[in-house]
N, C-alpha and C. Protein backbone atom coordinates (compact mmCIF):
# COMPACT_ATOMS: atom_id res chain seq x y z
N MET A 1 0.81 -1.10 -0.26
CA MET A 1 0.07 0.27 -0.20
C MET A 1 0.54 1.76 0.16
N GLU A 2 0.87 2.51 -0.76
CA GLU A 2 1.82 3.28 -1.13
C GLU A 2 1.06 4.67 -0.30
N TRP A 3 1.40 5.62 0.53
CA TRP A 3 1.29 6.55 0.81
C TRP A 3 0.73 8.03 0.23
N PRO A 4 -0.24 8.26 0.56
CA PRO A 4 -0.04 9.56 -0.24
C PRO A 4 1.15 10.94 -0.09
N GLN A 5 2.01 11.19 -0.36
CA GLN A 5 2.82 12.09 -0.02
C GLN A 5 2.42 13.48 1.00
N GLU A 6 1.38 13.99 0.86
CA GLU A 6 0.37 15.00 1.89
C GLU A 6 0.52 14.74 3.19
N LEU A 7 0.29 12.63 3.23
CA LEU A 7 0.00 12.31 4.71
C LEU A 7 1.05 12.44 5.26
N LEU A 8 1.83 11.31 4.83
CA LEU A 8 3.70 11.07 5.10
C LEU A 8 4.25 12.32 5.37
N ASP A 9 3.86 13.67 5.04
CA ASP A 9 4.73 15.05 5.53
C ASP A 9 3.84 15.35 6.82
N LEU A 10 2.45 14.59 6.72
CA LEU A 10 1.99 15.65 8.26
C LEU A 10 2.44 14.27 9.41
N PHE A 11 2.52 13.05 8.89
CA PHE A 11 3.36 11.91 10.03
C PHE A 11 4.34 12.86 10.18
N ASP A 12 5.24 13.30 9.57
CA ASP A 12 6.25 14.24 9.89
C ASP A 12 6.40 15.37 9.93
N ASP A 13 5.26 15.88 10.59
CA ASP A 13 5.28 17.48 11.81
C ASP A 13 5.89 16.95 12.67
N PRO A 14 6.89 18.08 13.49
CA PRO A 14 7.53 17.59 15.12
C PRO A 14 6.52 17.69 15.51
N LEU A 15 5.45 18.27 15.29
CA LEU A 15 4.39 18.26 16.86
C LEU A 15 3.38 17.54 16.36
N LEU A 16 3.58 16.43 16.16
CA LEU A 16 3.16 14.69 16.47
C LEU A 16 4.88 13.70 17.34
N ASP A 17 5.70 13.96 17.38
CA ASP A 17 6.57 13.31 17.82
C ASP A 17 6.20 13.13 19.49
N ASP A 18 5.43 13.46 19.92
CA ASP A 18 5.32 13.18 21.28
C ASP A 18 3.61 12.66 21.26
N VAL A 19 3.50 12.30 20.58
CA VAL A 19 1.84 11.39 19.96
C VAL A 19 1.66 10.29 20.37
N ARG A 20 1.37 9.62 21.25
CA ARG A 20 1.70 8.30 21.37
C ARG A 20 0.41 7.54 21.77
N PRO A 21 -0.34 6.41 21.21
CA PRO A 21 -1.46 5.70 21.62
C PRO A 21 -2.44 5.39 22.90
N LYS A 22 -2.94 5.78 23.15
CA LYS A 22 -3.73 5.25 25.14
C LYS A 22 -3.29 3.99 24.76
N THR A 23 -3.44 4.19 26.20
CA THR A 23 -2.44 2.78 26.81
C THR A 23 -3.94 2.63 27.26
N ALA A 24 -4.23 1.81 27.31
CA ALA A 24 -5.28 0.01 27.24
C ALA A 24 -6.05 0.38 29.41
N SER A 25 -7.28 0.99 30.00
CA SER A 25 -7.40 0.95 31.41
C SER A 25 -6.98 -0.30 31.32
N ILE A 26 -6.69 -1.02 32.95
CA ILE A 26 -6.18 -1.82 33.40
C ILE A 26 -7.79 -2.52 34.15
N THR A 27 -8.26 -3.36 34.27
CA THR A 27 -9.70 -4.22 34.00
C THR A 27 -9.76 -4.51 36.10
N PRO A 28 -10.22 -4.69 36.39
CA PRO A 28 -10.58 -5.00 37.79
C PRO A 28 -10.04 -6.99 37.79
N ASP A 29 -10.22 -6.77 36.75
CA ASP A 29 -9.62 -8.67 36.66
C ASP A 29 -8.47 -8.74 35.93
N ASP A 30 -7.29 -7.29 35.82
CA ASP A 30 -6.45 -7.40 36.12
C ASP A 30 -6.05 -7.16 36.66
N ARG A 31 -6.40 -7.13 38.06
CA ARG A 31 -5.83 -5.73 38.73
C ARG A 31 -5.63 -7.80 40.03
N ARG A 32 -6.94 -8.54 40.22
CA ARG A 32 -7.04 -9.56 40.47
C ARG A 32 -6.14 -10.74 40.14
N ILE A 33 -5.50 -10.22 38.77
CA ILE A 33 -4.44 -11.46 38.08
C ILE A 33 -3.48 -11.38 39.37
N LYS A 34 -2.88 -9.59 38.41
CA LYS A 34 -1.80 -8.92 39.11
C LYS A 34 -1.88 -9.57 40.96
N THR A 35 -2.15 -9.80 41.41
CA THR A 35 -2.21 -9.59 43.12
C THR A 35 -2.00 -11.06 43.67
N LEU A 36 -2.60 -11.73 42.72
CA LEU A 36 -2.81 -14.22 42.57
C LEU A 36 -1.41 -13.78 42.50
N PHE A 37 -0.95 -13.20 40.91
CA PHE A 37 0.73 -13.45 41.31
C PHE A 37 1.91 -13.12 41.90
N GLU A 38 1.28 -11.61 42.37
CA GLU A 38 2.17 -11.48 44.03
C GLU A 38 2.41 -12.37 45.33
N ILE A 39 0.56 -12.61 45.30
CA ILE A 39 0.92 -13.42 45.76
C ILE A 39 1.69 -15.40 45.94
N THR A 40 1.96 -15.53 44.61
CA THR A 40 2.26 -16.38 44.35
C THR A 40 3.95 -16.65 44.15
N GLU A 41 4.65 -15.30 44.20
CA GLU A 41 5.86 -15.27 44.34
C GLU A 41 5.99 -15.71 45.50
N TRP A 42 5.68 -14.56 46.33
CA TRP A 42 4.83 -14.39 47.90
C TRP A 42 5.66 -15.59 48.16
N VAL A 43 4.81 -16.95 48.08
CA VAL A 43 4.61 -18.32 48.81
C VAL A 43 6.21 -18.94 48.16
N GLU A 44 5.75 -18.60 47.34
CA GLU A 44 7.35 -19.24 45.80
C GLU A 44 8.57 -19.23 47.22
N ALA A 45 8.50 -17.69 46.98
CA ALA A 45 9.51 -17.12 48.06
C ALA A 45 10.45 -18.16 49.14
N HIS A 46 8.56 -18.35 50.68
CA HIS A 46 8.64 -18.88 51.22
C HIS A 46 8.09 -20.49 51.43
N GLU A 47 8.87 -20.61 50.66
CA GLU A 47 8.64 -22.17 50.61
C GLU A 47 7.34 -22.57 51.26
N GLY A 48 6.53 -22.39 50.25
CA GLY A 48 5.30 -23.02 49.83
C GLY A 48 4.75 -22.42 51.47
N ARG A 49 4.82 -20.77 52.12
CA ARG A 49 4.08 -20.61 53.29
C ARG A 49 3.14 -20.24 53.13
N THR A 50 2.00 -20.17 52.42
CA THR A 50 1.27 -18.58 52.61
C THR A 50 1.02 -17.15 53.54
N PRO A 51 0.65 -16.02 52.67
CA PRO A 51 0.63 -15.05 53.49
C PRO A 51 -0.31 -15.29 55.02
N GLN A 52 0.20 -15.08 55.81
CA GLN A 52 -0.48 -15.04 57.63
C GLN A 52 -0.89 -13.09 58.17
N SER A 53 -2.07 -13.33 58.84
CA SER A 53 -1.69 -12.23 58.81
C SER A 53 -1.64 -12.06 60.49
N THR A 54 -0.65 -12.78 60.93
CA THR A 54 0.29 -12.37 62.28
C THR A 54 1.52 -11.78 61.62
N GLY A 55 1.80 -11.43 60.64
CA GLY A 55 3.45 -11.45 60.16
C GLY A 55 3.84 -9.88 59.32
N ASP A 56 4.59 -9.53 59.09
CA ASP A 56 4.99 -8.76 58.64
C ASP A 56 3.69 -7.92 57.76
N LEU A 57 4.23 -6.39 58.49
CA LEU A 57 3.15 -5.31 57.08
C LEU A 57 2.76 -6.01 55.64
N LYS A 58 3.48 -6.60 55.36
CA LYS A 58 3.41 -6.72 53.24
C LYS A 58 2.59 -7.99 53.55
N GLU A 59 2.93 -9.14 54.13
CA GLU A 59 2.22 -10.18 54.76
C GLU A 59 1.10 -10.20 54.78
N LYS A 60 0.85 -9.27 56.08
CA LYS A 60 -0.54 -8.65 56.47
C LYS A 60 -1.77 -8.54 55.19
N MET A 61 -1.00 -7.47 54.01
CA MET A 61 -1.94 -7.32 53.24
C MET A 61 -2.02 -8.13 52.42
N LEU A 62 -0.96 -9.10 52.13
CA LEU A 62 -1.59 -10.52 51.05
C LEU A 62 -2.20 -11.32 51.75
N ALA A 63 -2.71 -11.32 52.87
CA ALA A 63 -3.12 -12.39 53.40
C ALA A 63 -4.48 -12.21 53.13
N ARG A 64 -4.49 -10.92 53.63
CA ARG A 64 -5.68 -9.84 53.73
C ARG A 64 -6.28 -10.12 52.01
N SER A 65 -5.68 -9.92 50.43
CA SER A 65 -5.55 -9.81 49.89
C SER A 65 -6.18 -11.41 48.90
N LEU A 66 -5.25 -12.55 49.57
CA LEU A 66 -5.68 -13.72 49.44
C LEU A 66 -7.15 -14.19 49.80
N ALA A 67 -7.15 -14.04 51.14
CA ALA A 67 -8.66 -13.88 51.89
C ALA A 67 -9.70 -13.54 50.67
N ALA A 68 -9.48 -12.41 50.15
CA ALA A 68 -10.44 -11.90 49.52
C ALA A 68 -10.56 -12.13 47.97
N LEU A 69 -9.52 -12.67 47.27
CA LEU A 69 -9.58 -13.55 45.87
C LEU A 69 -10.34 -15.19 46.72
N GLN A 70 -10.43 -15.32 47.27
CA GLN A 70 -10.91 -17.03 47.73
C GLN A 70 -11.95 -16.79 48.20
N ARG A 71 -12.39 -15.77 48.47
CA ARG A 71 -14.15 -15.18 48.69
C ARG A 71 -14.39 -14.86 47.25
N ASP A 72 -14.35 -14.46 46.41
CA ASP A 72 -14.96 -13.97 45.26
C ASP A 72 -13.87 -15.17 44.16
N ALA A 73 -13.26 -15.62 43.66
CA ALA A 73 -12.33 -16.47 43.41
C ALA A 73 -13.89 -16.46 41.79
N ASN A 74 -13.55 -17.02 40.56
CA ASN A 74 -14.08 -16.99 39.70
C ASN A 74 -12.83 -18.18 38.94
N GLU A 75 -13.63 -19.14 37.73
CA GLU A 75 -12.95 -19.84 37.49
C GLU A 75 -11.91 -19.11 36.21
N GLY A 76 -12.18 -17.67 35.77
CA GLY A 76 -11.14 -17.33 35.21
C GLY A 76 -9.85 -17.15 35.86
N LEU A 77 -10.29 -16.45 37.11
CA LEU A 77 -9.10 -16.28 37.91
C LEU A 77 -8.32 -17.97 38.59
N LYS A 78 -9.21 -18.54 38.53
CA LYS A 78 -8.18 -19.81 38.36
C LYS A 78 -8.02 -20.79 37.79
N THR A 79 -7.67 -20.64 36.43
CA THR A 79 -6.49 -21.14 35.02
C THR A 79 -5.55 -20.05 35.79
N TYR A 80 -4.94 -19.10 35.90
CA TYR A 80 -3.79 -18.69 36.31
C TYR A 80 -3.60 -18.45 37.79
N ASP A 81 -3.69 -19.58 39.15
CA ASP A 81 -3.85 -20.07 40.24
C ASP A 81 -3.05 -21.01 40.03
N SER A 82 -2.26 -21.26 39.47
CA SER A 82 -0.75 -22.21 39.84
C SER A 82 -0.44 -22.86 40.77
N LEU A 83 -0.40 -22.41 41.91
CA LEU A 83 -0.28 -23.19 43.64
C LEU A 83 -1.74 -23.52 44.01
N HIS A 84 -2.71 -23.11 43.16
CA HIS A 84 -4.36 -23.92 44.26
C HIS A 84 -4.30 -23.50 45.51
N LEU A 85 -4.56 -21.88 45.74
CA LEU A 85 -4.10 -21.12 46.83
C LEU A 85 -5.96 -19.95 46.88
N LEU A 86 -6.60 -20.19 45.99
CA LEU A 86 -8.15 -20.26 45.73
C LEU A 86 -8.36 -21.14 46.20
N THR A 87 -8.47 -22.59 46.00
CA THR A 87 -9.04 -23.44 46.76
C THR A 87 -9.27 -23.90 48.51
N GLU A 88 -7.97 -23.56 49.00
CA GLU A 88 -7.50 -23.41 50.20
C GLU A 88 -8.19 -22.68 51.46
N GLU A 89 -8.34 -22.99 52.71
CA GLU A 89 -9.30 -22.61 53.39
C GLU A 89 -8.58 -21.54 54.63
């Protein structure tokens, strides 16, 4: 496909140097998946121990997030659960 010269000149305009496509918004499902990945990384780094509410601040936050994910788990989220954290009580 050959572009008209007028259009090519427009693309070379210095005013358009900083123009970038809009980034996609993060969906609630994307946030849940990201949180599950963070929890999974933490569990793997701590030899399979799940985060507890008696640990440090980071561990407490992950424990609360895990509890929320377990309550609201759906099949789409479970496909990302490689350690089966969402089925634990």
